[in-house]
Every structure is written in structure tokens, then in C-alpha cells.
C-alpha atoms as a PDB file:
ATOM      1  CA  MET A   1      52.323  66.720 -71.608  1.00  0.00           C
ATOM      2  CA  THR A   2      50.717  63.168 -72.606  1.00  0.00           C
ATOM      3  CA  ASN A   3      52.691  60.372 -73.060  1.00  0.00           C
ATOM      4  CA  THR A   4      49.728  58.056 -75.214  1.00  0.00           C
ATOM      5  CA  LEU A   5      49.759  55.536 -77.922  1.00  0.00           C
ATOM      6  CA  ILE A   6      47.952  56.606 -80.644  1.00  0.00           C
ATOM      7  CA  GLY A   7      48.040  53.926 -83.901  1.00  0.00           C
ATOM      8  CA  TYR A   8      46.950  53.528 -87.195  1.00  0.00           C
ATOM      9  CA  ALA A   9      46.704  50.788 -89.502  1.00  0.00           C
ATOM     10  CA  ARG A  10      45.388  50.593 -93.374  1.00  0.00           C
ATOM     11  CA  CYS A  11      44.985  48.391 -95.648  1.00  0.00           C
ATOM     12  CA  SER A  12      44.631  48.728 -99.891  1.00  0.00           C
ATOM     13  CA  THR A  13      41.399  46.461-100.816  1.00  0.00           C
ATOM     14  CA  ASP A  14      38.362  46.014 -99.243  1.00  0.00           C
ATOM     15  CA  THR A  15      38.957  42.477 -98.922  1.00  0.00           C
ATOM     16  CA  GLN A  16      41.675  43.131 -96.849  1.00  0.00           C
ATOM     17  CA  ASP A  17      41.925  42.478 -93.291  1.00  0.00           C
ATOM     18  CA  LEU A  18      43.014  45.002 -90.352  1.00  0.00           C
ATOM     19  CA  SER A  19      43.256  42.039 -87.871  1.00  0.00           C
ATOM     20  CA  ALA A  20      46.836  41.514 -87.913  1.00  0.00           C
ATOM     21  CA  GLN A  21      48.148  44.716 -87.647  1.00  0.00           C
ATOM     22  CA  LYS A  22      45.608  46.059 -85.185  1.00  0.00           C
ATOM     23  CA  MET A  23      47.000  42.885 -82.834  1.00  0.00           C
ATOM     24  CA  ALA A  24      50.659  44.144 -83.805  1.00  0.00           C
ATOM     25  CA  LEU A  25      49.452  47.604 -82.626  1.00  0.00           C
ATOM     26  CA  ARG A  26      47.628  46.033 -78.728  1.00  0.00           C
ATOM     27  CA  GLU A  27      51.491  44.067 -79.104  1.00  0.00           C
ATOM     28  CA  LEU A  28      52.802  47.583 -79.156  1.00  0.00           C
ATOM     29  CA  GLY A  29      50.991  48.886 -76.482  1.00  0.00           C
ATOM     30  CA  VAL A  30      48.185  50.930 -78.486  1.00  0.00           C
ATOM     31  CA  ALA A  31      44.774  50.660 -76.495  1.00  0.00           C
ATOM     32  CA  GLU A  32      41.974  49.470 -78.624  1.00  0.00           C
ATOM     33  CA  ASP A  33      40.350  52.425 -78.540  1.00  0.00           C
ATOM     34  CA  ARG A  34      43.118  54.578 -79.595  1.00  0.00           C
ATOM     35  CA  ILE A  35      43.657  52.776 -82.851  1.00  0.00           C
ATOM     36  CA  TYR A  36      42.414  54.960 -86.569  1.00  0.00           C
ATOM     37  CA  THR A  37      42.040  52.857 -89.606  1.00  0.00           C
ATOM     38  CA  ASP A  38      41.703  53.076 -93.463  1.00  0.00           C
ATOM     39  CA  HIS A  39      39.857  50.321 -94.536  1.00  0.00           C
ATOM     40  CA  GLY A  40      40.405  50.291 -98.774  1.00  0.00           C
ATOM     41  CA  LEU A  41      42.749  53.393 -99.602  1.00  0.00           C
ATOM     42  CA  THR A  42      46.093  52.939-100.628  1.00  0.00           C
ATOM     43  CA  GLY A  43      48.935  54.457 -99.245  1.00  0.00           C
ATOM     44  CA  THR A  44      49.424  56.824-102.332  1.00  0.00           C
ATOM     45  CA  ASN A  45      46.253  58.567-101.384  1.00  0.00           C
ATOM     46  CA  ARG A  46      46.888  61.252 -98.821  1.00  0.00           C
ATOM     47  CA  ALA A  47      43.136  61.600 -98.543  1.00  0.00           C
ATOM     48  CA  ARG A  48      42.237  59.163 -96.054  1.00  0.00           C
ATOM     49  CA  PRO A  49      40.052  60.177 -92.661  1.00  0.00           C
ATOM     50  CA  GLY A  50      41.242  57.492 -91.033  1.00  0.00           C
ATOM     51  CA  LEU A  51      44.888  58.923 -90.623  1.00  0.00           C
ATOM     52  CA  ASP A  52      43.224  62.663 -90.968  1.00  0.00           C
ATOM     53  CA  GLN A  53      41.610  61.558 -87.619  1.00  0.00           C
ATOM     54  CA  ALA A  54      45.018  59.645 -86.014  1.00  0.00           C
ATOM     55  CA  VAL A  55      47.047  62.860 -86.628  1.00  0.00           C
ATOM     56  CA  ALA A  56      44.104  65.114 -84.720  1.00  0.00           C
ATOM     57  CA  ALA A  57      43.750  63.011 -82.054  1.00  0.00           C
ATOM     58  CA  VAL A  58      47.758  63.072 -81.027  1.00  0.00           C
ATOM     59  CA  ARG A  59      49.033  65.738 -78.193  1.00  0.00           C
ATOM     60  CA  GLN A  60      52.706  67.138 -77.881  1.00  0.00           C
ATOM     61  CA  GLY A  61      54.421  64.269 -75.692  1.00  0.00           C
ATOM     62  CA  ASP A  62      52.296  61.145 -77.495  1.00  0.00           C
ATOM     63  CA  THR A  63      53.641  58.697 -79.960  1.00  0.00           C
ATOM     64  CA  PHE A  64      52.245  57.923 -83.374  1.00  0.00           C
ATOM     65  CA  VAL A  65      52.425  54.253 -84.205  1.00  0.00           C
ATOM     66  CA  VAL A  66      52.388  52.061 -87.230  1.00  0.00           C
ATOM     67  CA  PRO A  67      53.025  48.189 -87.568  1.00  0.00           C
ATOM     68  CA  LYS A  68      55.094  49.107 -90.870  1.00  0.00           C
ATOM     69  CA  LEU A  69      55.800  52.504 -92.568  1.00  0.00           C
ATOM     70  CA  ASP A  70      54.134  50.717 -95.901  1.00  0.00           C
ATOM     71  CA  ARG A  71      51.458  51.442 -93.893  1.00  0.00           C
ATOM     72  CA  LEU A  72      52.144  54.994 -93.294  1.00  0.00           C
ATOM     73  CA  ALA A  73      52.618  56.118 -97.009  1.00  0.00           C
ATOM     74  CA  ARG A  74      53.590  54.361 -99.935  1.00  0.00           C
ATOM     75  CA  SER A  75      55.882  57.823-101.017  1.00  0.00           C
ATOM     76  CA  VAL A  76      58.591  59.282 -99.831  1.00  0.00           C
ATOM     77  CA  PRO A  77      57.324  63.142-100.119  1.00  0.00           C
ATOM     78  CA  ASP A  78      54.125  62.074 -98.277  1.00  0.00           C
ATOM     79  CA  ALA A  79      55.886  59.652 -95.619  1.00  0.00           C
ATOM     80  CA  ARG A  80      58.120  62.332 -95.081  1.00  0.00           C
ATOM     81  CA  ALA A  81      54.973  65.324 -94.575  1.00  0.00           C
ATOM     82  CA  ILE A  82      53.363  63.167 -92.438  1.00  0.00           C
ATOM     83  CA  ALA A  83      56.930  62.502 -90.380  1.00  0.00           C
ATOM     84  CA  ASP A  84      57.548  66.572 -90.343  1.00  0.00           C
ATOM     85  CA  GLN A  85      53.934  67.221 -89.469  1.00  0.00           C
ATOM     86  CA  LEU A  86      54.465  64.884 -86.036  1.00  0.00           C
ATOM     87  CA  GLU A  87      57.464  66.610 -85.441  1.00  0.00           C
ATOM     88  CA  THR A  88      56.030  69.985 -85.499  1.00  0.00           C
ATOM     89  CA  LYS A  89      53.612  69.006 -82.945  1.00  0.00           C
ATOM     90  CA  GLY A  90      56.203  67.380 -80.914  1.00  0.00           C
ATOM     91  CA  VAL A  91      54.909  63.770 -82.039  1.00  0.00           C
ATOM     92  CA  LYS A  92      56.892  60.945 -82.035  1.00  0.00           C
ATOM     93  CA  LEU A  93      56.909  58.333 -84.853  1.00  0.00           C
ATOM     94  CA  ALA A  94      56.965  54.699 -84.105  1.00  0.00           C
ATOM     95  CA  LEU A  95      57.620  52.358 -86.794  1.00  0.00           C
ATOM     96  CA  GLY A  96      56.818  49.030 -85.154  1.00  0.00           C
ATOM     97  CA  ALA A  97      59.035  48.827 -82.379  1.00  0.00           C
ATOM     98  CA  SER A  98      61.705  51.042 -83.374  1.00  0.00           C
ATOM     99  CA  VAL A  99      60.865  55.012 -82.350  1.00  0.00           C
ATOM    100  CA  TYR A 100      62.072  57.280 -85.024  1.00  0.00           C
ATOM    101  CA  ASP A 101      64.163  60.448 -84.185  1.00  0.00           C
ATOM    102  CA  PRO A 102      63.996  62.957 -86.952  1.00  0.00           C
ATOM    103  CA  SER A 103      67.461  65.132 -85.094  1.00  0.00           C
ATOM    104  CA  ASP A 104      69.477  61.224 -85.367  1.00  0.00           C
ATOM    105  CA  PRO A 105      71.208  61.543 -88.497  1.00  0.00           C
ATOM    106  CA  MET A 106      71.035  57.943 -88.773  1.00  0.00           C
ATOM    107  CA  GLY A 107      67.378  57.763 -88.192  1.00  0.00           C
ATOM    108  CA  LYS A 108      66.462  60.034 -90.501  1.00  0.00           C
ATOM    109  CA  MET A 109      68.918  57.727 -93.564  1.00  0.00           C
ATOM    110  CA  PHE A 110      67.132  54.756 -92.180  1.00  0.00           C
ATOM    111  CA  PHE A 111      63.737  56.284 -92.588  1.00  0.00           C
ATOM    112  CA  ASN A 112      64.332  58.256 -95.827  1.00  0.00           C
ATOM    113  CA  ILE A 113      65.976  54.553 -97.119  1.00  0.00           C
ATOM    114  CA  LEU A 114      62.318  52.939 -95.584  1.00  0.00           C
ATOM    115  CA  THR A 115      60.036  54.869 -97.614  1.00  0.00           C
ATOM    116  CA  THR A 116      62.406  54.941-101.043  1.00  0.00           C
ATOM    117  CA  PHE A 117      61.313  51.137-100.379  1.00  0.00           C
ATOM    118  CA  ALA A 118      57.788  51.316 -99.878  1.00  0.00           C
ATOM    119  CA  GLU A 119      57.387  53.805-102.623  1.00  0.00           C
ATOM    120  CA  PHE A 120      59.716  51.550-105.170  1.00  0.00           C
ATOM    121  CA  GLU A 121      57.310  48.595-104.326  1.00  0.00           C
ATOM    122  CA  SER A 122      54.425  50.187-104.841  1.00  0.00           C
ATOM    123  CA  ASP A 123      55.366  51.500-107.970  1.00  0.00           C
ATOM    124  CA  LEU A 124      56.736  47.579-108.747  1.00  0.00           C
ATOM    125  CA  ILE A 125      52.672  46.678-107.575  1.00  0.00           C
ATOM    126  CA  ARG A 126      51.827  49.481-109.994  1.00  0.00           C
ATOM    127  CA  MET A 127      53.799  48.412-113.099  1.00  0.00           C
ATOM    128  CA  ARG A 128      52.847  44.550-112.562  1.00  0.00           C
ATOM    129  CA  THR A 129      48.918  45.316-112.747  1.00  0.00           C
ATOM    130  CA  ARG A 130      49.443  47.538-116.281  1.00  0.00           C
ATOM    131  CA  GLU A 131      51.366  44.605-117.882  1.00  0.00           C
ATOM    132  CA  GLY A 132      49.467  41.747-116.261  1.00  0.00           C
ATOM    133  CA  MET A 133      45.971  44.171-117.706  1.00  0.00           C
ATOM    134  CA  ALA A 134      47.502  44.551-121.051  1.00  0.00           C
ATOM    135  CA  ILE A 135      48.271  40.509-121.723  1.00  0.00           C
ATOM    136  CA  ALA A 136      45.177  40.121-120.220  1.00  0.00           C
ATOM    137  CA  ARG A 137      43.518  42.552-123.184  1.00  0.00           C
ATOM    138  CA  ALA A 138      45.878  41.151-125.718  1.00  0.00           C
ATOM    139  CA  LYS A 139      44.292  37.618-125.104  1.00  0.00           C
ATOM    140  CA  GLY A 140      40.715  39.306-125.240  1.00  0.00           C
ATOM    141  CA  LYS A 141      40.118  38.548-121.481  1.00  0.00           C
ATOM    142  CA  LEU A 142      39.804  41.920-120.278  1.00  0.00           C
ATOM    143  CA  ARG A 143      36.766  43.116-122.522  1.00  0.00           C
ATOM    144  CA  GLY A 144      35.566  46.249-120.094  1.00  0.00           C
ATOM    145  CA  LYS A 145      32.124  46.571-118.851  1.00  0.00           C
ATOM    146  CA  GLN A 146      29.632  44.425-121.018  1.00  0.00           C
ATOM    147  CA  PRO A 147      26.247  46.339-122.507  1.00  0.00           C
ATOM    148  CA  LYS A 148      23.203  46.523-120.474  1.00  0.00           C
ATOM    149  CA  LEU A 149      21.210  45.046-123.817  1.00  0.00           C
ATOM    150  CA  SER A 150      21.649  42.016-125.874  1.00  0.00           C
ATOM    151  CA  ASP A 151      22.760  42.144-129.556  1.00  0.00           C
ATOM    152  CA  LYS A 152      18.952  40.953-130.538  1.00  0.00           C
ATOM    153  CA  GLN A 153      17.409  43.674-127.994  1.00  0.00           C
ATOM    154  CA  GLN A 154      20.185  46.631-129.257  1.00  0.00           C
ATOM    155  CA  LYS A 155      19.145  46.073-133.220  1.00  0.00           C
ATOM    156  CA  GLU A 156      14.938  45.834-131.515  1.00  0.00           C
ATOM    157  CA  LEU A 157      15.807  49.113-130.165  1.00  0.00           C
ATOM    158  CA  CYS A 158      17.748  50.764-133.322  1.00  0.00           C
ATOM    159  CA  ARG A 159      15.180  49.721-135.367  1.00  0.00           C
ATOM    160  CA  MET A 160      11.821  50.741-133.031  1.00  0.00           C
ATOM    161  CA  HIS A 161      13.903  54.275-132.671  1.00  0.00           C
ATOM    162  CA  GLY A 162      14.246  54.223-136.748  1.00  0.00           C
ATOM    163  CA  THR A 163      10.531  54.056-137.343  1.00  0.00           C
ATOM    164  CA  GLY A 164      10.206  57.505-135.158  1.00  0.00           C
ATOM    165  CA  GLU A 165       7.116  56.295-133.053  1.00  0.00           C
ATOM    166  CA  TYR A 166       9.490  56.177-130.053  1.00  0.00           C
ATOM    167  CA  SER A 167      11.194  58.588-128.102  1.00  0.00           C
ATOM    168  CA  ILE A 168      14.454  58.089-126.111  1.00  0.00           C
ATOM    169  CA  SER A 169      12.548  58.347-122.880  1.00  0.00           C
ATOM    170  CA  ASP A 170       9.589  55.534-124.773  1.00  0.00           C
ATOM    171  CA  LEU A 171      12.406  53.099-125.053  1.00  0.00           C
ATOM    172  CA  ALA A 172      14.010  53.921-121.737  1.00  0.00           C
ATOM    173  CA  GLU A 173      11.222  52.765-120.464  1.00  0.00           C
ATOM    174  CA  VAL A 174      10.657  49.706-122.782  1.00  0.00           C
ATOM    175  CA  PHE A 175      14.390  48.418-122.488  1.00  0.00           C
ATOM    176  CA  SER A 176      13.950  49.168-118.839  1.00  0.00           C
ATOM    177  CA  VAL A 177      17.479  50.846-119.282  1.00  0.00           C
ATOM    178  CA  SER A 178      18.352  54.635-118.332  1.00  0.00           C
ATOM    179  CA  ARG A 179      18.656  57.612-121.277  1.00  0.00           C
ATOM    180  CA  PRO A 180      22.330  57.028-121.264  1.00  0.00           C
ATOM    181  CA  THR A 181      22.391  53.631-122.187  1.00  0.00           C
ATOM    182  CA  ILE A 182      19.635  54.565-125.441  1.00  0.00           C
ATOM    183  CA  TYR A 183      22.103  57.015-126.478  1.00  0.00           C
ATOM    184  CA  ARG A 184      25.047  54.713-125.939  1.00  0.00           C
ATOM    185  CA  THR A 185      23.724  51.670-127.804  1.00  0.00           C
ATOM    186  CA  LEU A 186      21.990  54.121-130.856  1.00  0.00           C
ATOM    187  CA  LYS A 187      25.711  55.640-131.151  1.00  0.00           C
ATOM    188  CA  ARG A 188      27.752  51.918-130.960  1.00  0.00           C
ATOM    189  CA  ASN A 189      25.253  50.523-133.654  1.00  0.00           C
ATOM    190  CA  ARG A 190      25.499  54.356-135.932  1.00  0.00           C
ATOM    191  CA  THR A 191      29.236  52.683-136.386  1.00  0.00           C
END
């Protein structure tokens, strides 16, 4: 039976930095080589390689440490499943400096409340993002991916195709685009 601290840190986007979480884990006593990370993966995504590696690394008697619960999971079912998986392995779960004890009714209730807040926060972020995108779309600021060819190039492509002298492959080569781009351009200009 070991008594090793295994740490896990996660950030949702590639532009975020894991330094503060790693520092918090080191301050909690986790060795640098025992910190597993996921970069650019949300807490609602259950398929996280760093999390899987960290869970695989813990042994009976170890403690799995996360700086905050929302770094572990952003939904009640996921947090519950991970906590249950660790409990089955005989591993303690530390949320910051607090160790979660699933056998303590108060600890269990506190854990469930924290996971509910993490899920609520995630839902709010998702809702605000959708609202912001809808407003931007309504103002014409969110137009999606722009066509690879200018309007003038699209007209010329359609004219050339209309002559029957050029195949789709010929047009793709002339305009330095893929065949699917040629098909999309022709379809868009038919309507």
C-alpha cells in the first residue's frame, strides 16, 4: 500500500496556462513528475488522456489531488463516476487541501453541492456563449468561414465550367483549390 500524491490539472483552451494549477499542486505536496495534465479539453469531455493516465497511475492508499473540483469535472455524473472509480481503487480524493471522504454524509453532501455548482457554471458559460454568438450573427459580425475564391474568381470559374471545356479537376488545378471547393462554388452560384 503506497501513500503517493498524484495530481491532475486541466484547462479548457490552448490559450490558457496551467502554471497556477501546477504551482498549487506542488504546494499541496505533489511531486512535479506526478502531475498529469490536459490542455485544451473541457471538463465536460470525459475522454481526457491526462485524466486517464492519472487515474491509471494511482494505487491503493494513494491520494488523487486536484486544485479545484471544476478542474476534475464539469458535470455531476462525471464527478460522481470519477470519485466512485477512485474509491473503488482505494484512493482518496483531495479537492485542494480538503480530502473528500465518501463515507461521511456531510462530506458526500458537500461534494455533491460542489459538483452541482461546477455543472451550473459550465451551463451558464455555454448559455452566454450561445447568446453572444446569436447577437453577433444578428449584427452580421459572425459570418462563418469565408469562401476560398473571390466573387470575381467564382464568376470566372462558373463561366469556364459552363463552356464544357474544363473538368472539375482542371478547374481545381487552375484555381489552386480542392475538388470539393469547386463543387461548393458551383452549387452556391447555381442558387
